[in-house]
C-alpha atoms as a PDB file:
ATOM      1  CA  LEU A   1      46.174 134.127 -44.906  1.00  0.00           C
ATOM      2  CA  THR A   2      46.400 131.690 -47.804  1.00  0.00           C
ATOM      3  CA  LEU A   3      42.704 132.155 -48.532  1.00  0.00           C
ATOM      4  CA  PHE A   4      43.043 135.931 -48.199  1.00  0.00           C
ATOM      5  CA  TYR A   5      45.977 135.961 -50.639  1.00  0.00           C
ATOM      6  CA  PHE A   6      44.312 133.893 -53.357  1.00  0.00           C
ATOM      7  CA  ALA A   7      41.003 135.754 -53.047  1.00  0.00           C
ATOM      8  CA  TYR A   8      42.920 139.045 -53.305  1.00  0.00           C
ATOM      9  CA  ASP A   9      45.015 137.886 -56.286  1.00  0.00           C
ATOM     10  CA  GLN A  10      43.684 138.880 -59.707  1.00  0.00           C
ATOM     11  CA  SER A  11      45.965 136.737 -61.906  1.00  0.00           C
ATOM     12  CA  CYS A  12      42.978 135.701 -63.993  1.00  0.00           C
ATOM     13  CA  SER A  13      39.333 136.653 -64.296  1.00  0.00           C
ATOM     14  CA  GLY A  14      36.425 135.030 -62.524  1.00  0.00           C
ATOM     15  CA  CYS A  15      34.815 134.958 -59.124  1.00  0.00           C
ATOM     16  CA  VAL A  16      35.622 133.425 -55.736  1.00  0.00           C
ATOM     17  CA  VAL A  17      33.632 130.348 -54.672  1.00  0.00           C
ATOM     18  CA  GLU A  18      33.671 128.469 -51.390  1.00  0.00           C
ATOM     19  CA  ILE A  19      32.188 124.991 -51.012  1.00  0.00           C
ATOM     20  CA  GLY A  20      31.549 124.442 -47.300  1.00  0.00           C
ATOM     21  CA  SER A  21      31.305 127.667 -45.310  1.00  0.00           C
ATOM     22  CA  PHE A  22      30.320 126.241 -41.914  1.00  0.00           C
ATOM     23  CA  LYS A  23      30.403 129.192 -39.458  1.00  0.00           C
ATOM     24  CA  GLY A  24      32.119 131.601 -41.850  1.00  0.00           C
ATOM     25  CA  LYS A  25      35.734 131.882 -40.716  1.00  0.00           C
ATOM     26  CA  SER A  26      37.167 131.174 -44.179  1.00  0.00           C
ATOM     27  CA  THR A  27      34.407 133.221 -45.815  1.00  0.00           C
ATOM     28  CA  VAL A  28      35.361 136.239 -43.715  1.00  0.00           C
ATOM     29  CA  TRP A  29      39.026 136.015 -44.770  1.00  0.00           C
ATOM     30  CA  MET A  30      38.202 135.839 -48.471  1.00  0.00           C
ATOM     31  CA  ALA A  31      35.525 138.550 -48.270  1.00  0.00           C
ATOM     32  CA  GLN A  32      37.956 140.802 -46.409  1.00  0.00           C
ATOM     33  CA  ALA A  33      40.403 140.375 -49.308  1.00  0.00           C
ATOM     34  CA  LEU A  34      37.752 141.519 -51.780  1.00  0.00           C
ATOM     35  CA  LYS A  35      36.858 144.450 -49.555  1.00  0.00           C
ATOM     36  CA  GLN A  36      40.547 145.451 -49.350  1.00  0.00           C
ATOM     37  CA  ARG A  37      40.758 145.448 -53.147  1.00  0.00           C
ATOM     38  CA  ALA A  38      37.734 147.777 -53.149  1.00  0.00           C
ATOM     39  CA  LYS A  39      36.079 145.491 -55.663  1.00  0.00           C
ATOM     40  CA  GLN A  40      32.351 144.974 -55.927  1.00  0.00           C
ATOM     41  CA  GLU A  41      32.901 141.227 -56.036  1.00  0.00           C
ATOM     42  CA  ARG A  42      31.433 138.699 -53.660  1.00  0.00           C
ATOM     43  CA  VAL A  43      32.538 135.380 -52.269  1.00  0.00           C
ATOM     44  CA  THR A  44      29.863 132.863 -53.193  1.00  0.00           C
ATOM     45  CA  ALA A  45      29.606 130.812 -50.004  1.00  0.00           C
ATOM     46  CA  ILE A  46      27.839 127.493 -50.607  1.00  0.00           C
ATOM     47  CA  ASP A  47      26.739 125.366 -47.650  1.00  0.00           C
ATOM     48  CA  PRO A  48      23.448 123.729 -46.623  1.00  0.00           C
ATOM     49  CA  HIS A  49      24.270 124.611 -42.972  1.00  0.00           C
ATOM     50  CA  ILE A  50      22.836 121.345 -41.644  1.00  0.00           C
ATOM     51  CA  ASN A  51      24.297 119.605 -38.600  1.00  0.00           C
ATOM     52  CA  THR A  52      24.475 116.036 -39.840  1.00  0.00           C
ATOM     53  CA  GLY A  53      26.260 114.787 -36.724  1.00  0.00           C
ATOM     54  CA  ASP A  54      28.730 113.041 -39.029  1.00  0.00           C
ATOM     55  CA  ASP A  55      32.371 114.086 -38.440  1.00  0.00           C
ATOM     56  CA  GLU A  56      33.247 113.335 -42.065  1.00  0.00           C
ATOM     57  CA  VAL A  57      30.647 115.803 -43.274  1.00  0.00           C
ATOM     58  CA  VAL A  58      30.814 118.643 -40.738  1.00  0.00           C
ATOM     59  CA  PRO A  59      32.789 119.359 -37.550  1.00  0.00           C
ATOM     60  CA  ARG A  60      31.011 118.566 -34.280  1.00  0.00           C
ATOM     61  CA  TYR A  61      28.814 121.318 -32.918  1.00  0.00           C
ATOM     62  CA  THR A  62      25.636 121.400 -30.871  1.00  0.00           C
ATOM     63  CA  GLU A  63      23.350 123.706 -32.861  1.00  0.00           C
ATOM     64  CA  GLU A  64      20.912 122.293 -35.420  1.00  0.00           C
ATOM     65  CA  SER A  65      22.407 124.588 -38.056  1.00  0.00           C
ATOM     66  CA  SER A  66      25.600 126.597 -38.538  1.00  0.00           C
ATOM     67  CA  TYR A  67      23.720 129.261 -40.497  1.00  0.00           C
ATOM     68  CA  ASP A  68      23.065 131.730 -37.650  1.00  0.00           C
ATOM     69  CA  ALA A  69      26.725 131.653 -36.584  1.00  0.00           C
ATOM     70  CA  PHE A  70      27.746 132.115 -40.231  1.00  0.00           C
ATOM     71  CA  VAL A  71      25.526 135.189 -40.613  1.00  0.00           C
ATOM     72  CA  ARG A  72      26.770 136.647 -37.292  1.00  0.00           C
ATOM     73  CA  ASN A  73      30.406 136.229 -38.358  1.00  0.00           C
ATOM     74  CA  VAL A  74      29.931 137.756 -41.810  1.00  0.00           C
ATOM     75  CA  SER A  75      27.769 140.634 -40.545  1.00  0.00           C
ATOM     76  CA  GLY A  76      29.861 141.179 -37.418  1.00  0.00           C
ATOM     77  CA  ASN A  77      32.871 141.801 -39.644  1.00  0.00           C
ATOM     78  CA  GLY A  78      30.956 144.238 -41.856  1.00  0.00           C
ATOM     79  CA  LEU A  79      31.199 141.990 -44.912  1.00  0.00           C
ATOM     80  CA  ASP A  80      27.572 141.510 -45.998  1.00  0.00           C
ATOM     81  CA  ASN A  81      28.255 143.348 -49.266  1.00  0.00           C
ATOM     82  CA  TRP A  82      31.111 140.976 -50.131  1.00  0.00           C
ATOM     83  CA  VAL A  83      29.345 137.639 -49.509  1.00  0.00           C
ATOM     84  CA  GLN A  84      26.651 135.920 -51.534  1.00  0.00           C
ATOM     85  CA  THR A  85      25.211 133.131 -49.413  1.00  0.00           C
ATOM     86  CA  VAL A  86      23.883 130.026 -51.130  1.00  0.00           C
ATOM     87  CA  LYS A  87      22.156 127.827 -48.559  1.00  0.00           C
ATOM     88  CA  ALA A  88      22.258 124.584 -50.537  1.00  0.00           C
ATOM     89  CA  THR A  89      24.386 121.548 -51.200  1.00  0.00           C
ATOM     90  CA  SER A  90      27.233 121.885 -53.643  1.00  0.00           C
ATOM     91  CA  GLU A  91      25.425 119.605 -56.068  1.00  0.00           C
ATOM     92  CA  THR A  92      22.204 121.656 -55.960  1.00  0.00           C
ATOM     93  CA  ALA A  93      24.095 124.956 -56.346  1.00  0.00           C
ATOM     94  CA  ALA A  94      26.054 123.602 -59.322  1.00  0.00           C
ATOM     95  CA  LYS A  95      22.857 122.954 -61.312  1.00  0.00           C
ATOM     96  CA  ASP A  96      22.263 126.690 -61.830  1.00  0.00           C
ATOM     97  CA  TRP A  97      25.897 127.819 -61.888  1.00  0.00           C
ATOM     98  CA  ASN A  98      27.091 129.718 -64.985  1.00  0.00           C
ATOM     99  CA  GLN A  99      30.076 131.862 -63.957  1.00  0.00           C
ATOM    100  CA  GLN A 100      33.804 131.438 -64.437  1.00  0.00           C
ATOM    101  CA  ILE A 101      35.824 130.994 -61.234  1.00  0.00           C
ATOM    102  CA  ARG A 102      39.315 132.252 -60.408  1.00  0.00           C
ATOM    103  CA  THR A 103      39.536 130.900 -56.840  1.00  0.00           C
ATOM    104  CA  LEU A 104      37.710 127.759 -55.704  1.00  0.00           C
ATOM    105  CA  PHE A 105      38.000 126.699 -52.056  1.00  0.00           C
ATOM    106  CA  ILE A 106      36.667 123.225 -51.247  1.00  0.00           C
ATOM    107  CA  ASP A 107      36.013 122.415 -47.595  1.00  0.00           C
ATOM    108  CA  GLY A 108      32.623 120.708 -47.649  1.00  0.00           C
ATOM    109  CA  SER A 109      31.955 117.074 -46.850  1.00  0.00           C
ATOM    110  CA  HIS A 110      35.143 115.062 -46.401  1.00  0.00           C
ATOM    111  CA  ARG A 111      33.773 111.801 -47.777  1.00  0.00           C
ATOM    112  CA  TYR A 112      35.560 110.668 -50.927  1.00  0.00           C
ATOM    113  CA  GLU A 113      32.387 110.498 -53.046  1.00  0.00           C
ATOM    114  CA  ASP A 114      31.394 114.038 -52.023  1.00  0.00           C
ATOM    115  CA  VAL A 115      34.843 115.572 -52.584  1.00  0.00           C
ATOM    116  CA  ILE A 116      35.260 113.946 -55.999  1.00  0.00           C
ATOM    117  CA  LEU A 117      31.762 115.165 -56.928  1.00  0.00           C
ATOM    118  CA  ASP A 118      32.653 118.722 -55.828  1.00  0.00           C
ATOM    119  CA  LEU A 119      35.786 118.594 -57.986  1.00  0.00           C
ATOM    120  CA  ARG A 120      33.932 117.194 -61.007  1.00  0.00           C
ATOM    121  CA  LEU A 121      31.094 119.735 -60.741  1.00  0.00           C
ATOM    122  CA  TRP A 122      33.101 122.878 -60.004  1.00  0.00           C
ATOM    123  CA  GLU A 123      36.593 122.456 -61.506  1.00  0.00           C
ATOM    124  CA  PRO A 124      35.363 122.899 -65.115  1.00  0.00           C
ATOM    125  CA  TRP A 125      34.266 126.439 -64.163  1.00  0.00           C
ATOM    126  CA  VAL A 126      37.782 127.373 -62.965  1.00  0.00           C
ATOM    127  CA  ASN A 127      39.584 129.507 -65.550  1.00  0.00           C
ATOM    128  CA  VAL A 128      43.032 128.603 -66.813  1.00  0.00           C
ATOM    129  CA  GLY A 129      45.399 130.264 -64.350  1.00  0.00           C
ATOM    130  CA  GLY A 130      42.800 129.927 -61.599  1.00  0.00           C
ATOM    131  CA  ILE A 131      43.331 128.373 -58.196  1.00  0.00           C
ATOM    132  CA  ILE A 132      41.768 125.357 -56.492  1.00  0.00           C
ATOM    133  CA  ILE A 133      42.359 125.052 -52.736  1.00  0.00           C
ATOM    134  CA  LEU A 134      41.460 121.958 -50.729  1.00  0.00           C
ATOM    135  CA  HIS A 135      41.321 121.940 -46.942  1.00  0.00           C
ATOM    136  CA  ASP A 136      42.011 118.982 -44.645  1.00  0.00           C
ATOM    137  CA  THR A 137      44.702 117.462 -46.855  1.00  0.00           C
ATOM    138  CA  LYS A 138      47.198 116.770 -44.059  1.00  0.00           C
ATOM    139  CA  PRO A 139      49.112 113.603 -45.052  1.00  0.00           C
ATOM    140  CA  SER A 140      48.668 112.034 -41.628  1.00  0.00           C
ATOM    141  CA  GLY A 141      45.186 113.421 -40.995  1.00  0.00           C
ATOM    142  CA  ALA A 142      41.889 111.642 -40.621  1.00  0.00           C
ATOM    143  CA  PHE A 143      40.397 112.602 -44.001  1.00  0.00           C
ATOM    144  CA  GLU A 144      41.653 109.984 -46.454  1.00  0.00           C
ATOM    145  CA  GLY A 145      38.688 110.713 -48.766  1.00  0.00           C
ATOM    146  CA  VAL A 146      39.854 114.295 -49.324  1.00  0.00           C
ATOM    147  CA  ARG A 147      43.417 113.215 -50.100  1.00  0.00           C
ATOM    148  CA  ARG A 148      42.279 110.403 -52.415  1.00  0.00           C
ATOM    149  CA  ALA A 149      39.928 112.668 -54.421  1.00  0.00           C
ATOM    150  CA  MET A 150      42.613 115.367 -54.615  1.00  0.00           C
ATOM    151  CA  LYS A 151      45.218 112.919 -55.899  1.00  0.00           C
ATOM    152  CA  GLU A 152      42.886 111.327 -58.440  1.00  0.00           C
ATOM    153  CA  HIS A 153      41.375 114.517 -59.860  1.00  0.00           C
ATOM    154  CA  LEU A 154      44.194 117.054 -59.501  1.00  0.00           C
ATOM    155  CA  GLY A 155      47.461 115.416 -58.448  1.00  0.00           C
ATOM    156  CA  ASP A 156      47.746 112.918 -61.287  1.00  0.00           C
ATOM    157  CA  ASN A 157      46.470 115.326 -63.925  1.00  0.00           C
ATOM    158  CA  LYS A 158      48.781 117.395 -66.156  1.00  0.00           C
ATOM    159  CA  LYS A 159      46.094 120.119 -66.317  1.00  0.00           C
ATOM    160  CA  PHE A 160      47.063 121.159 -62.774  1.00  0.00           C
ATOM    161  CA  SER A 161      50.203 122.140 -60.943  1.00  0.00           C
ATOM    162  CA  GLN A 162      50.557 121.966 -57.184  1.00  0.00           C
ATOM    163  CA  VAL A 163      51.519 125.452 -56.040  1.00  0.00           C
ATOM    164  CA  LEU A 164      51.614 125.076 -52.289  1.00  0.00           C
ATOM    165  CA  GLN A 165      51.334 122.374 -49.634  1.00  0.00           C
ATOM    166  CA  LEU A 166      50.685 123.697 -46.170  1.00  0.00           C
ATOM    167  CA  LEU A 167      50.149 121.676 -43.034  1.00  0.00           C
ATOM    168  CA  ASN A 168      46.490 121.048 -43.812  1.00  0.00           C
ATOM    169  CA  MET A 169      45.774 122.809 -47.104  1.00  0.00           C
ATOM    170  CA  THR A 170      46.858 122.161 -50.695  1.00  0.00           C
ATOM    171  CA  VAL A 171      46.752 124.711 -53.520  1.00  0.00           C
ATOM    172  CA  PHE A 172      46.680 123.884 -57.250  1.00  0.00           C
ATOM    173  CA  ARG A 173      46.799 126.133 -60.317  1.00  0.00           C
ATOM    174  CA  LYS A 174      44.836 125.136 -63.413  1.00  0.00           C
ATOM    175  CA  LEU A 175      47.194 125.066 -66.387  1.00  0.00           C
ATOM    176  CA  SER A 176      44.801 124.098 -69.184  1.00  0.00           C
ATOM    177  CA  ASN A 177      41.252 123.006 -69.936  1.00  0.00           C
END
């Protein structure tokens, strides 16, 4: 519901971007929000869909790729028109990126160096007033790299204000460039 709300919200201009789509559950929620607004916007869902077998990078699953399950979930919910799939790493996708963002959801690799890279590559595209959401930020959880990158890039920076701390998700608003 948090993802739905911030994808639905139009407090500032820009698009909705998701880093780490896996099998599409979060993508579906955000795309449904855009569909409900009757907007011709799309969630840009960025994920290489590769099963690395590394729990810090992707949850355990048996398939070689999460892509087929992702497509089934998006299509099965009638949301093809509200999702732009980018089958690539965050770093590769960022090289050609040129759009302002109003909602950025980061749930890709959970290694510190990957999360901090995602923040450094994508946060500059977030408009003032825009939202950055990080998943797997539970204080007692297993993903110290996510929490460390979040604290260093967003938490100790006056350009951002923490809006919401849920059990396992943290939301920041960008206050200035």
